[in-house]
Amino acid sequence: MVKIFRNVIILLFIISCTPISEIGRFGQGVDITFDPRTIGMQIDDTIMQKNLVARLTLSEKKYFLIQVEIIDGHIFLSGKVDNPEEKIKITKIAWETNGVRSVKNAITIKGKSNFKNTSKDILITSQLRTALIINKKTKSRNYTLETINQNIYIFGIAMTLEEKKKVIDEANKIYDVKKVIPSIYLKSELSRFKN
């Protein structure tokens, strides 16, 4: 019991280190000060995101809690739903968004995780975020990290192939990680940067 209590206190301490600006519902994701996308690309992605969130919310109010990230038309969904049919419905709505290029769905079904697993997930995400901040070869603000059932989902933009490999390597080094699922796009792969 003492061990669990100690782990919860450590976990709360780590979470409290997260800046408030990264917690907000509409403030998550890639920081525009380090974002290699053009202003036009950022605006397009923001419009797509707001459109998708609005359509999800109109479909079911509880879908407002689904997290949506978009980079260059690539959609990343995360959160929890009650049953598999809802996950499929959300994916279908995402694919109906104008300008979509791909949809990555990390939504999980409620009831398949418990407090212990959720605590491990938060700890894994915090460890990876810290590793990316400390590593001078990575721009940690360019990545959205989501850990679900000890699987790390990484969504973001790498400036170079070396940075992309470094981020994946850092994720693989973390204890208790089952699988790393990267959706990392190189700056050169973005549609407006292609020749």
N, C-alpha and C. Protein backbone atom coordinates (compact mmCIF):
# COMPACT_ATOMS: atom_id res chain seq x y z
N MET A 1 0.83 -1.20 0.00
CA MET A 1 0.00 0.00 0.00
C MET A 1 0.87 1.26 0.00
N VAL A 2 1.94 1.22 0.81
CA VAL A 2 2.85 2.37 0.89
C VAL A 2 3.52 2.60 -0.47
N LYS A 3 3.86 1.50 -1.15
CA LYS A 3 4.51 1.59 -2.46
C LYS A 3 3.59 2.25 -3.49
N ILE A 4 2.31 1.88 -3.48
CA ILE A 4 1.34 2.47 -4.40
C ILE A 4 1.17 3.95 -4.10
N PHE A 5 1.04 4.29 -2.81
CA PHE A 5 0.88 5.69 -2.41
C PHE A 5 2.08 6.52 -2.86
N ARG A 6 3.30 5.97 -2.66
CA ARG A 6 4.51 6.67 -3.05
C ARG A 6 4.53 6.89 -4.57
N ASN A 7 4.15 5.88 -5.35
CA ASN A 7 4.12 6.01 -6.81
C ASN A 7 3.11 7.05 -7.26
N VAL A 8 1.96 7.12 -6.60
CA VAL A 8 0.95 8.12 -6.94
C VAL A 8 1.48 9.53 -6.67
N ILE A 9 2.15 9.71 -5.53
CA ILE A 9 2.72 11.02 -5.19
C ILE A 9 3.77 11.43 -6.23
N ILE A 10 4.64 10.49 -6.60
CA ILE A 10 5.66 10.78 -7.62
C ILE A 10 4.99 11.14 -8.94
N LEU A 11 3.96 10.40 -9.31
CA LEU A 11 3.23 10.65 -10.55
C LEU A 11 2.60 12.03 -10.54
N LEU A 12 1.97 12.40 -9.45
CA LEU A 12 1.36 13.73 -9.35
C LEU A 12 2.41 14.82 -9.44
N PHE A 13 3.57 14.59 -8.85
CA PHE A 13 4.65 15.57 -8.93
C PHE A 13 5.10 15.75 -10.38
N ILE A 14 5.26 14.66 -11.10
CA ILE A 14 5.69 14.73 -12.50
C ILE A 14 4.66 15.46 -13.34
N ILE A 15 3.39 15.15 -13.12
CA ILE A 15 2.32 15.80 -13.89
C ILE A 15 2.29 17.29 -13.60
N SER A 16 2.54 17.67 -12.36
CA SER A 16 2.48 19.09 -11.99
C SER A 16 3.58 19.90 -12.66
N CYS A 17 4.60 19.23 -13.20
CA CYS A 17 5.69 19.92 -13.89
C CYS A 17 5.31 20.33 -15.30
N THR A 18 4.19 19.87 -15.80
CA THR A 18 3.76 20.20 -17.15
C THR A 18 3.26 21.64 -17.19
N PRO A 19 3.76 22.46 -18.11
CA PRO A 19 3.28 23.83 -18.20
C PRO A 19 1.78 23.88 -18.49
N ILE A 20 1.11 24.86 -17.93
CA ILE A 20 -0.33 25.00 -18.10
C ILE A 20 -0.69 25.17 -19.57
N SER A 21 0.17 25.83 -20.34
CA SER A 21 -0.15 26.09 -21.74
C SER A 21 -0.26 24.81 -22.57
N GLU A 22 0.29 23.68 -22.09
CA GLU A 22 0.22 22.44 -22.85
C GLU A 22 -0.99 21.59 -22.47
N ILE A 23 -1.79 22.03 -21.49
CA ILE A 23 -2.86 21.20 -20.98
C ILE A 23 -4.20 21.51 -21.63
N GLY A 24 -4.42 22.71 -22.10
CA GLY A 24 -5.73 23.13 -22.58
C GLY A 24 -6.26 22.30 -23.73
N ARG A 25 -7.57 22.18 -23.85
CA ARG A 25 -8.23 21.36 -24.87
C ARG A 25 -7.84 21.81 -26.27
N PHE A 26 -7.73 23.12 -26.47
CA PHE A 26 -7.40 23.61 -27.81
C PHE A 26 -5.93 24.01 -27.92
N GLY A 27 -5.18 23.90 -26.82
CA GLY A 27 -3.80 24.32 -26.83
C GLY A 27 -2.80 23.20 -27.00
N GLN A 28 -3.25 21.97 -27.20
CA GLN A 28 -2.32 20.86 -27.31
C GLN A 28 -1.71 20.81 -28.70
N GLY A 29 -0.57 20.11 -28.78
CA GLY A 29 -0.02 19.82 -30.09
C GLY A 29 1.26 20.55 -30.38
N VAL A 30 1.53 20.73 -31.63
CA VAL A 30 2.77 21.32 -32.08
C VAL A 30 2.77 22.81 -31.77
N ASP A 31 3.84 23.28 -31.16
CA ASP A 31 3.99 24.70 -30.81
C ASP A 31 4.37 25.46 -32.07
N ILE A 32 3.61 26.51 -32.39
CA ILE A 32 3.85 27.22 -33.65
C ILE A 32 5.19 27.93 -33.69
N THR A 33 5.80 28.21 -32.53
CA THR A 33 7.10 28.88 -32.56
C THR A 33 8.20 27.98 -33.11
N PHE A 34 8.01 26.66 -33.05
CA PHE A 34 8.99 25.72 -33.58
C PHE A 34 8.44 24.94 -34.76
N ASP A 35 7.28 25.29 -35.21
CA ASP A 35 6.59 24.53 -36.26
C ASP A 35 7.18 24.87 -37.62
N PRO A 36 7.66 23.87 -38.36
CA PRO A 36 8.25 24.14 -39.67
C PRO A 36 7.23 24.38 -40.77
N ARG A 37 5.94 24.17 -40.48
CA ARG A 37 4.91 24.40 -41.50
C ARG A 37 4.76 25.89 -41.76
N THR A 38 4.31 26.22 -42.96
CA THR A 38 4.03 27.62 -43.27
C THR A 38 2.78 28.06 -42.51
N ILE A 39 2.57 29.35 -42.42
CA ILE A 39 1.38 29.88 -41.75
C ILE A 39 0.12 29.35 -42.45
N GLY A 40 0.16 29.28 -43.78
CA GLY A 40 -0.98 28.77 -44.53
C GLY A 40 -1.30 27.32 -44.18
N MET A 41 -0.26 26.49 -44.06
CA MET A 41 -0.47 25.09 -43.68
C MET A 41 -1.05 24.99 -42.27
N GLN A 42 -0.55 25.82 -41.36
CA GLN A 42 -1.05 25.82 -39.99
C GLN A 42 -2.52 26.22 -39.95
N ILE A 43 -2.87 27.21 -40.74
CA ILE A 43 -4.27 27.66 -40.80
C ILE A 43 -5.16 26.57 -41.38
N ASP A 44 -4.71 25.94 -42.48
CA ASP A 44 -5.48 24.84 -43.07
C ASP A 44 -5.71 23.72 -42.07
N ASP A 45 -4.66 23.32 -41.35
CA ASP A 45 -4.78 22.25 -40.37
C ASP A 45 -5.70 22.65 -39.22
N THR A 46 -5.62 23.89 -38.78
CA THR A 46 -6.49 24.37 -37.70
C THR A 46 -7.95 24.37 -38.13
N ILE A 47 -8.21 24.81 -39.35
CA ILE A 47 -9.58 24.80 -39.87
C ILE A 47 -10.10 23.37 -39.95
N MET A 48 -9.26 22.45 -40.46
CA MET A 48 -9.67 21.03 -40.51
C MET A 48 -9.97 20.49 -39.12
N GLN A 49 -9.12 20.84 -38.15
CA GLN A 49 -9.29 20.35 -36.79
C GLN A 49 -10.60 20.87 -36.18
N LYS A 50 -10.83 22.16 -36.30
CA LYS A 50 -12.06 22.75 -35.73
C LYS A 50 -13.30 22.17 -36.42
N ASN A 51 -13.21 21.97 -37.73
CA ASN A 51 -14.32 21.38 -38.48
C ASN A 51 -14.60 19.97 -37.99
N LEU A 52 -13.56 19.16 -37.84
CA LEU A 52 -13.74 17.77 -37.38
C LEU A 52 -14.27 17.72 -35.96
N VAL A 53 -13.72 18.53 -35.07
CA VAL A 53 -14.20 18.55 -33.67
C VAL A 53 -15.68 18.96 -33.64
N ALA A 54 -16.05 19.94 -34.45
CA ALA A 54 -17.45 20.39 -34.49
C ALA A 54 -18.36 19.27 -35.00
N ARG A 55 -17.95 18.58 -36.07
CA ARG A 55 -18.78 17.50 -36.61
C ARG A 55 -18.88 16.33 -35.63
N LEU A 56 -17.78 16.02 -34.93
CA LEU A 56 -17.83 14.96 -33.92
C LEU A 56 -18.78 15.33 -32.79
N THR A 57 -18.70 16.58 -32.33
CA THR A 57 -19.55 17.04 -31.23
C THR A 57 -21.01 17.07 -31.64
N LEU A 58 -21.30 17.48 -32.87
CA LEU A 58 -22.68 17.48 -33.35
C LEU A 58 -23.22 16.06 -33.46
N SER A 59 -22.35 15.12 -33.80
CA SER A 59 -22.76 13.73 -33.90
C SER A 59 -23.12 13.17 -32.52
N GLU A 60 -22.24 13.37 -31.55
CA GLU A 60 -22.45 12.93 -30.15
C GLU A 60 -21.69 13.91 -29.27
N LYS A 61 -22.36 14.52 -28.31
CA LYS A 61 -21.70 15.51 -27.45
C LYS A 61 -20.49 14.95 -26.73
N LYS A 62 -20.52 13.67 -26.36
CA LYS A 62 -19.41 13.08 -25.62
C LYS A 62 -18.14 12.96 -26.47
N TYR A 63 -18.26 13.06 -27.80
CA TYR A 63 -17.09 12.99 -28.67
C TYR A 63 -16.23 14.24 -28.59
N PHE A 64 -16.71 15.26 -27.90
CA PHE A 64 -15.91 16.47 -27.70
C PHE A 64 -14.61 16.14 -26.96
N LEU A 65 -14.63 15.06 -26.18
CA LEU A 65 -13.45 14.66 -25.40
C LEU A 65 -12.42 13.91 -26.24
N ILE A 66 -12.75 13.58 -27.47
CA ILE A 66 -11.78 12.92 -28.36
C ILE A 66 -10.75 13.98 -28.77
N GLN A 67 -9.48 13.62 -28.64
CA GLN A 67 -8.41 14.55 -28.99
C GLN A 67 -8.07 14.39 -30.48
N VAL A 68 -7.99 15.52 -31.15
CA VAL A 68 -7.74 15.54 -32.59
C VAL A 68 -6.51 16.39 -32.86
N GLU A 69 -5.53 15.81 -33.54
CA GLU A 69 -4.34 16.54 -33.98
C GLU A 69 -4.25 16.38 -35.49
N ILE A 70 -3.90 17.47 -36.18
CA ILE A 70 -3.77 17.41 -37.65
C ILE A 70 -2.49 18.10 -38.07
N ILE A 71 -1.71 17.40 -38.89
CA ILE A 71 -0.50 17.98 -39.48
C ILE A 71 -0.53 17.66 -40.96
N ASP A 72 -0.61 18.71 -41.75
CA ASP A 72 -0.57 18.60 -43.21
C ASP A 72 -1.62 17.60 -43.74
N GLY A 73 -2.79 17.62 -43.14
CA GLY A 73 -3.88 16.75 -43.59
C GLY A 73 -3.86 15.36 -42.99
N HIS A 74 -2.86 15.04 -42.18
CA HIS A 74 -2.78 13.75 -41.51
C HIS A 74 -3.46 13.90 -40.14
N ILE A 75 -4.50 13.11 -39.90
CA ILE A 75 -5.29 13.22 -38.67
C ILE A 75 -4.86 12.14 -37.68
N PHE A 76 -4.68 12.54 -36.42
CA PHE A 76 -4.37 11.63 -35.33
C PHE A 76 -5.46 11.77 -34.28
N LEU A 77 -6.15 10.65 -33.98
CA LEU A 77 -7.24 10.64 -33.01
C LEU A 77 -6.83 9.86 -31.78
N SER A 78 -7.19 10.37 -30.60
CA SER A 78 -6.94 9.61 -29.37
C SER A 78 -8.05 9.92 -28.37
N GLY A 79 -8.18 9.05 -27.38
CA GLY A 79 -9.21 9.19 -26.37
C GLY A 79 -9.84 7.85 -26.08
N LYS A 80 -11.00 7.87 -25.43
CA LYS A 80 -11.69 6.62 -25.07
C LYS A 80 -13.16 6.69 -25.46
N VAL A 81 -13.68 5.56 -25.91
CA VAL A 81 -15.10 5.44 -26.25
C VAL A 81 -15.66 4.19 -25.57
N ASP A 82 -16.98 4.05 -25.59
CA ASP A 82 -17.64 2.95 -24.89
C ASP A 82 -17.57 1.62 -25.64
N ASN A 83 -17.60 1.66 -26.98
CA ASN A 83 -17.64 0.39 -27.73
C ASN A 83 -16.94 0.55 -29.09
N PRO A 84 -16.61 -0.57 -29.72
CA PRO A 84 -15.90 -0.53 -31.01
C PRO A 84 -16.66 0.18 -32.12
N GLU A 85 -17.99 0.13 -32.09
CA GLU A 85 -18.79 0.79 -33.13
C GLU A 85 -18.55 2.30 -33.12
N GLU A 86 -18.39 2.88 -31.91
CA GLU A 86 -18.12 4.31 -31.81
C GLU A 86 -16.75 4.65 -32.41
N LYS A 87 -15.78 3.80 -32.18
CA LYS A 87 -14.44 4.02 -32.74
C LYS A 87 -14.51 4.04 -34.26
N ILE A 88 -15.26 3.11 -34.83
CA ILE A 88 -15.42 3.05 -36.29
C ILE A 88 -16.15 4.29 -36.80
N LYS A 89 -17.20 4.70 -36.09
CA LYS A 89 -17.97 5.88 -36.48
C LYS A 89 -17.08 7.14 -36.49
N ILE A 90 -16.25 7.30 -35.47
CA ILE A 90 -15.36 8.47 -35.38
C ILE A 90 -14.35 8.44 -36.52
N THR A 91 -13.81 7.26 -36.82
CA THR A 91 -12.85 7.14 -37.92
C THR A 91 -13.50 7.51 -39.25
N LYS A 92 -14.73 7.07 -39.45
CA LYS A 92 -15.47 7.39 -40.68
C LYS A 92 -15.68 8.91 -40.80
N ILE A 93 -16.08 9.55 -39.70
CA ILE A 93 -16.28 11.00 -39.71
C ILE A 93 -14.96 11.71 -40.03
N ALA A 94 -13.86 11.22 -39.48
CA ALA A 94 -12.55 11.83 -39.75
C ALA A 94 -12.19 11.72 -41.22
N TRP A 95 -12.46 10.57 -41.84
CA TRP A 95 -12.15 10.39 -43.25
C TRP A 95 -13.01 11.27 -44.14
N GLU A 96 -14.15 11.72 -43.66
CA GLU A 96 -15.03 12.59 -44.45
C GLU A 96 -14.61 14.05 -44.41
N THR A 97 -13.56 14.38 -43.69
CA THR A 97 -13.07 15.75 -43.58
C THR A 97 -12.40 16.17 -44.89
N ASN A 98 -12.73 17.36 -45.37
CA ASN A 98 -12.12 17.87 -46.60
C ASN A 98 -10.62 18.05 -46.40
N GLY A 99 -9.83 17.53 -47.34
CA GLY A 99 -8.38 17.70 -47.30
C GLY A 99 -7.63 16.63 -46.53
N VAL A 100 -8.32 15.63 -46.01
CA VAL A 100 -7.66 14.58 -45.23
C VAL A 100 -6.76 13.74 -46.12
N ARG A 101 -5.56 13.41 -45.60
CA ARG A 101 -4.62 12.57 -46.34
C ARG A 101 -4.48 11.20 -45.68
N SER A 102 -4.61 11.15 -44.35
CA SER A 102 -4.57 9.87 -43.63
C SER A 102 -5.21 10.05 -42.26
N VAL A 103 -5.64 8.94 -41.66
CA VAL A 103 -6.22 8.96 -40.31
C VAL A 103 -5.54 7.87 -39.49
N LYS A 104 -4.95 8.26 -38.37
CA LYS A 104 -4.36 7.31 -37.42
C LYS A 104 -5.27 7.33 -36.20
N ASN A 105 -5.78 6.16 -35.83
CA ASN A 105 -6.75 6.07 -34.75
C ASN A 105 -6.15 5.36 -33.55
N ALA A 106 -5.91 6.11 -32.45
CA ALA A 106 -5.39 5.53 -31.21
C ALA A 106 -6.46 5.53 -30.13
N ILE A 107 -7.72 5.58 -30.53
CA ILE A 107 -8.83 5.57 -29.58
C ILE A 107 -8.95 4.18 -28.97
N THR A 108 -9.16 4.14 -27.66
CA THR A 108 -9.31 2.86 -26.97
C THR A 108 -10.74 2.71 -26.46
N ILE A 109 -11.08 1.47 -26.13
CA ILE A 109 -12.40 1.16 -25.60
C ILE A 109 -12.33 1.22 -24.08
N LYS A 110 -13.27 1.93 -23.45
CA LYS A 110 -13.29 2.06 -21.99
C LYS A 110 -13.40 0.68 -21.35
N GLY A 111 -12.86 0.57 -20.15
CA GLY A 111 -12.97 -0.67 -19.42
C GLY A 111 -11.82 -1.63 -19.68
N LYS A 112 -10.98 -1.31 -20.66
CA LYS A 112 -9.86 -2.19 -20.95
C LYS A 112 -8.59 -1.74 -20.23
N SER A 113 -8.71 -0.74 -19.37
CA SER A 113 -7.56 -0.31 -18.58
C SER A 113 -8.03 -0.02 -17.16
N ASN A 114 -7.09 -0.05 -16.23
CA ASN A 114 -7.41 0.22 -14.84
C ASN A 114 -6.49 1.32 -14.31
N PHE A 115 -6.61 1.63 -13.02
CA PHE A 115 -5.82 2.72 -12.44
C PHE A 115 -4.32 2.45 -12.58
N LYS A 116 -3.92 1.21 -12.36
CA LYS A 116 -2.50 0.86 -12.44
C LYS A 116 -1.98 1.09 -13.85
N ASN A 117 -2.72 0.64 -14.86
CA ASN A 117 -2.30 0.83 -16.25
C ASN A 117 -2.28 2.31 -16.63
N THR A 118 -3.30 3.05 -16.18
CA THR A 118 -3.35 4.48 -16.47
C THR A 118 -2.15 5.20 -15.84
N SER A 119 -1.80 4.81 -14.62
CA SER A 119 -0.63 5.41 -13.95
C SER A 119 0.64 5.10 -14.72
N LYS A 120 0.78 3.87 -15.19
CA LYS A 120 1.96 3.50 -15.97
C LYS A 120 2.02 4.32 -17.26
N ASP A 121 0.86 4.49 -17.90
CA ASP A 121 0.81 5.26 -19.15
C ASP A 121 1.25 6.70 -18.93
N ILE A 122 0.77 7.30 -17.87
CA ILE A 122 1.14 8.69 -17.57
C ILE A 122 2.63 8.79 -17.28
N LEU A 123 3.15 7.83 -16.54
CA LEU A 123 4.58 7.82 -16.21
C LEU A 123 5.42 7.65 -17.47
N ILE A 124 5.02 6.75 -18.36
CA ILE A 124 5.76 6.52 -19.61
C ILE A 124 5.77 7.80 -20.46
N THR A 125 4.61 8.45 -20.59
CA THR A 125 4.53 9.69 -21.37
C THR A 125 5.44 10.76 -20.76
N SER A 126 5.41 10.89 -19.45
CA SER A 126 6.24 11.89 -18.76
C SER A 126 7.72 11.60 -18.96
N GLN A 127 8.10 10.33 -18.89
CA GLN A 127 9.51 9.96 -19.09
C GLN A 127 9.97 10.30 -20.51
N LEU A 128 9.13 10.00 -21.49
CA LEU A 128 9.50 10.30 -22.87
C LEU A 128 9.56 11.81 -23.10
N ARG A 129 8.59 12.54 -22.59
CA ARG A 129 8.60 14.01 -22.74
C ARG A 129 9.89 14.58 -22.14
N THR A 130 10.26 14.11 -20.95
CA THR A 130 11.48 14.58 -20.29
C THR A 130 12.71 14.23 -21.11
N ALA A 131 12.78 13.01 -21.63
CA ALA A 131 13.92 12.59 -22.45
C ALA A 131 14.05 13.46 -23.69
N LEU A 132 12.93 13.81 -24.31
CA LEU A 132 12.97 14.66 -25.51
C LEU A 132 13.40 16.08 -25.19
N ILE A 133 12.98 16.57 -24.03
CA ILE A 133 13.38 17.92 -23.61
C ILE A 133 14.89 17.96 -23.34
N ILE A 134 15.40 16.95 -22.66
CA ILE A 134 16.82 16.90 -22.30
C ILE A 134 17.70 16.70 -23.53
N ASN A 135 17.25 15.91 -24.49
CA ASN A 135 18.03 15.63 -25.69
C ASN A 135 18.05 16.86 -26.59
N LYS A 136 19.23 17.42 -26.78
CA LYS A 136 19.38 18.65 -27.57
C LYS A 136 19.15 18.44 -29.06
N LYS A 137 19.11 17.17 -29.51
CA LYS A 137 18.94 16.88 -30.94
C LYS A 137 17.46 16.75 -31.32
N THR A 138 16.56 16.91 -30.34
CA THR A 138 15.13 16.82 -30.62
C THR A 138 14.42 18.09 -30.19
N LYS A 139 13.38 18.45 -30.92
CA LYS A 139 12.53 19.58 -30.56
C LYS A 139 11.25 19.00 -29.97
N SER A 140 11.22 18.86 -28.65
CA SER A 140 10.14 18.15 -27.97
C SER A 140 8.77 18.77 -28.23
N ARG A 141 8.72 20.06 -28.46
CA ARG A 141 7.43 20.72 -28.67
C ARG A 141 6.79 20.37 -30.01
N ASN A 142 7.52 19.73 -30.89
CA ASN A 142 6.98 19.35 -32.19
C ASN A 142 6.27 18.01 -32.16
N TYR A 143 6.08 17.45 -30.97
CA TYR A 143 5.50 16.11 -30.87
C TYR A 143 4.34 16.06 -29.87
N THR A 144 3.32 15.32 -30.26
CA THR A 144 2.23 14.98 -29.37
C THR A 144 2.46 13.55 -28.95
N LEU A 145 2.45 13.31 -27.66
CA LEU A 145 2.70 11.97 -27.13
C LEU A 145 1.45 11.46 -26.44
N GLU A 146 1.12 10.23 -26.72
CA GLU A 146 -0.05 9.58 -26.11
C GLU A 146 0.35 8.15 -25.80
N THR A 147 0.17 7.74 -24.54
CA THR A 147 0.46 6.35 -24.16
C THR A 147 -0.85 5.70 -23.76
N ILE A 148 -1.16 4.58 -24.40
CA ILE A 148 -2.39 3.85 -24.12
C ILE A 148 -2.01 2.38 -23.94
N ASN A 149 -2.28 1.86 -22.75
CA ASN A 149 -1.95 0.47 -22.42
C ASN A 149 -0.49 0.13 -22.71
N GLN A 150 0.39 1.04 -22.34
CA GLN A 150 1.84 0.92 -22.47
C GLN A 150 2.34 0.94 -23.91
N ASN A 151 1.49 1.34 -24.84
CA ASN A 151 1.89 1.57 -26.23
C ASN A 151 2.01 3.08 -26.42
N ILE A 152 3.18 3.54 -26.88
CA ILE A 152 3.40 4.98 -27.07
C ILE A 152 3.08 5.36 -28.51
N TYR A 153 2.19 6.34 -28.66
CA TYR A 153 1.86 6.89 -29.97
C TYR A 153 2.55 8.25 -30.05
N ILE A 154 3.37 8.44 -31.08
CA ILE A 154 4.10 9.70 -31.27
C ILE A 154 3.63 10.31 -32.57
N PHE A 155 3.16 11.55 -32.50
CA PHE A 155 2.65 12.24 -33.68
C PHE A 155 3.33 13.59 -33.76
N GLY A 156 3.97 13.90 -34.89
CA GLY A 156 4.62 15.19 -35.00
C GLY A 156 5.47 15.33 -36.24
N ILE A 157 6.32 16.39 -36.21
CA ILE A 157 7.17 16.73 -37.34
C ILE A 157 8.62 16.73 -36.88
N ALA A 158 9.47 15.98 -37.60
CA ALA A 158 10.91 16.00 -37.35
C ALA A 158 11.57 16.86 -38.42
N MET A 159 12.57 17.61 -38.01
CA MET A 159 13.28 18.45 -38.96
C MET A 159 14.19 17.62 -39.86
N THR A 160 14.76 16.53 -39.29
CA THR A 160 15.67 15.67 -40.05
C THR A 160 15.37 14.20 -39.76
N LEU A 161 15.91 13.33 -40.59
CA LEU A 161 15.76 11.89 -40.37
C LEU A 161 16.46 11.48 -39.08
N GLU A 162 17.57 12.13 -38.77
CA GLU A 162 18.30 11.84 -37.53
C GLU A 162 17.43 12.14 -36.30
N GLU A 163 16.72 13.27 -36.34
CA GLU A 163 15.83 13.61 -35.22
C GLU A 163 14.71 12.57 -35.09
N LYS A 164 14.15 12.16 -36.20
CA LYS A 164 13.08 11.15 -36.18
C LYS A 164 13.57 9.86 -35.52
N LYS A 165 14.76 9.41 -35.91
CA LYS A 165 15.33 8.19 -35.33
C LYS A 165 15.61 8.37 -33.84
N LYS A 166 16.09 9.55 -33.46
CA LYS A 166 16.40 9.84 -32.05
C LYS A 166 15.14 9.76 -31.19
N VAL A 167 14.04 10.32 -31.68
CA VAL A 167 12.78 10.30 -30.94
C VAL A 167 12.30 8.86 -30.74
N ILE A 168 12.35 8.07 -31.78
CA ILE A 168 11.92 6.67 -31.70
C ILE A 168 12.85 5.89 -30.76
N ASP A 169 14.16 6.14 -30.84
CA ASP A 169 15.11 5.48 -29.95
C ASP A 169 14.82 5.82 -28.49
N GLU A 170 14.56 7.09 -28.21
CA GLU A 170 14.26 7.51 -26.83
C GLU A 170 13.01 6.78 -26.31
N ALA A 171 12.01 6.63 -27.16
CA ALA A 171 10.77 5.94 -26.76
C ALA A 171 11.04 4.47 -26.47
N ASN A 172 11.87 3.85 -27.29
CA ASN A 172 12.18 2.42 -27.11
C ASN A 172 13.01 2.15 -25.86
N LYS A 173 13.70 3.15 -25.34
CA LYS A 173 14.54 2.98 -24.15
C LYS A 173 13.73 2.95 -22.86
N ILE A 174 12.50 3.41 -22.89
CA ILE A 174 11.70 3.54 -21.66
C ILE A 174 11.24 2.17 -21.18
N TYR A 175 11.40 1.96 -19.89
CA TYR A 175 11.01 0.70 -19.26
C TYR A 175 9.49 0.52 -19.30
N ASP A 176 9.02 -0.68 -19.51
CA ASP A 176 7.61 -1.05 -19.52
C ASP A 176 6.87 -0.71 -20.81
N VAL A 177 7.56 -0.18 -21.80
CA VAL A 177 6.90 0.13 -23.07
C VAL A 177 6.74 -1.16 -23.88
N LYS A 178 5.51 -1.42 -24.31
CA LYS A 178 5.25 -2.62 -25.12
C LYS A 178 5.56 -2.36 -26.58
N LYS A 179 5.12 -1.21 -27.09
CA LYS A 179 5.25 -0.93 -28.51
C LYS A 179 5.32 0.58 -28.73
N VAL A 180 6.10 1.00 -29.70
CA VAL A 180 6.19 2.41 -30.10
C VAL A 180 5.55 2.53 -31.47
N ILE A 181 4.53 3.38 -31.58
CA ILE A 181 3.83 3.58 -32.86
C ILE A 181 4.06 5.03 -33.31
N PRO A 182 5.08 5.25 -34.14
CA PRO A 182 5.37 6.62 -34.56
C PRO A 182 4.57 7.04 -35.80
N SER A 183 4.11 8.26 -35.77
CA SER A 183 3.53 8.92 -36.95
C SER A 183 4.28 10.24 -37.07
N ILE A 184 5.55 10.12 -37.38
CA ILE A 184 6.43 11.28 -37.44
C ILE A 184 6.70 11.60 -38.90
N TYR A 185 6.39 12.81 -39.30
CA TYR A 185 6.60 13.25 -40.67
C TYR A 185 7.84 14.13 -40.72
N LEU A 186 8.66 13.93 -41.72
CA LEU A 186 9.81 14.81 -41.92
C LEU A 186 9.34 16.12 -42.53
N LYS A 187 10.01 17.18 -42.19
CA LYS A 187 9.65 18.49 -42.75
C LYS A 187 9.63 18.42 -44.28
N SER A 188 10.57 17.69 -44.86
CA SER A 188 10.66 17.58 -46.32
C SER A 188 9.51 16.79 -46.92
N GLU A 189 8.78 16.02 -46.10
CA GLU A 189 7.65 15.21 -46.59
C GLU A 189 6.32 15.99 -46.61
N LEU A 190 6.30 17.14 -45.96
CA LEU A 190 5.07 17.93 -45.94
C LEU A 190 4.73 18.41 -47.34
N SER A 191 3.45 18.45 -47.67
CA SER A 191 3.01 18.68 -49.05
C SER A 191 3.57 19.97 -49.67
N ARG A 192 3.67 21.02 -48.93
CA ARG A 192 4.10 22.29 -49.52
C ARG A 192 5.61 22.43 -49.58
N PHE A 193 6.32 21.48 -48.97
CA PHE A 193 7.77 21.53 -49.04
C PHE A 193 8.32 20.59 -50.09
N LYS A 194 7.45 19.80 -50.73
CA LYS A 194 7.90 18.89 -51.79
C LYS A 194 8.16 19.67 -53.06
N ASN A 195 9.13 19.21 -53.82
CA ASN A 195 9.44 19.89 -55.10
C ASN A 195 8.47 19.50 -56.17
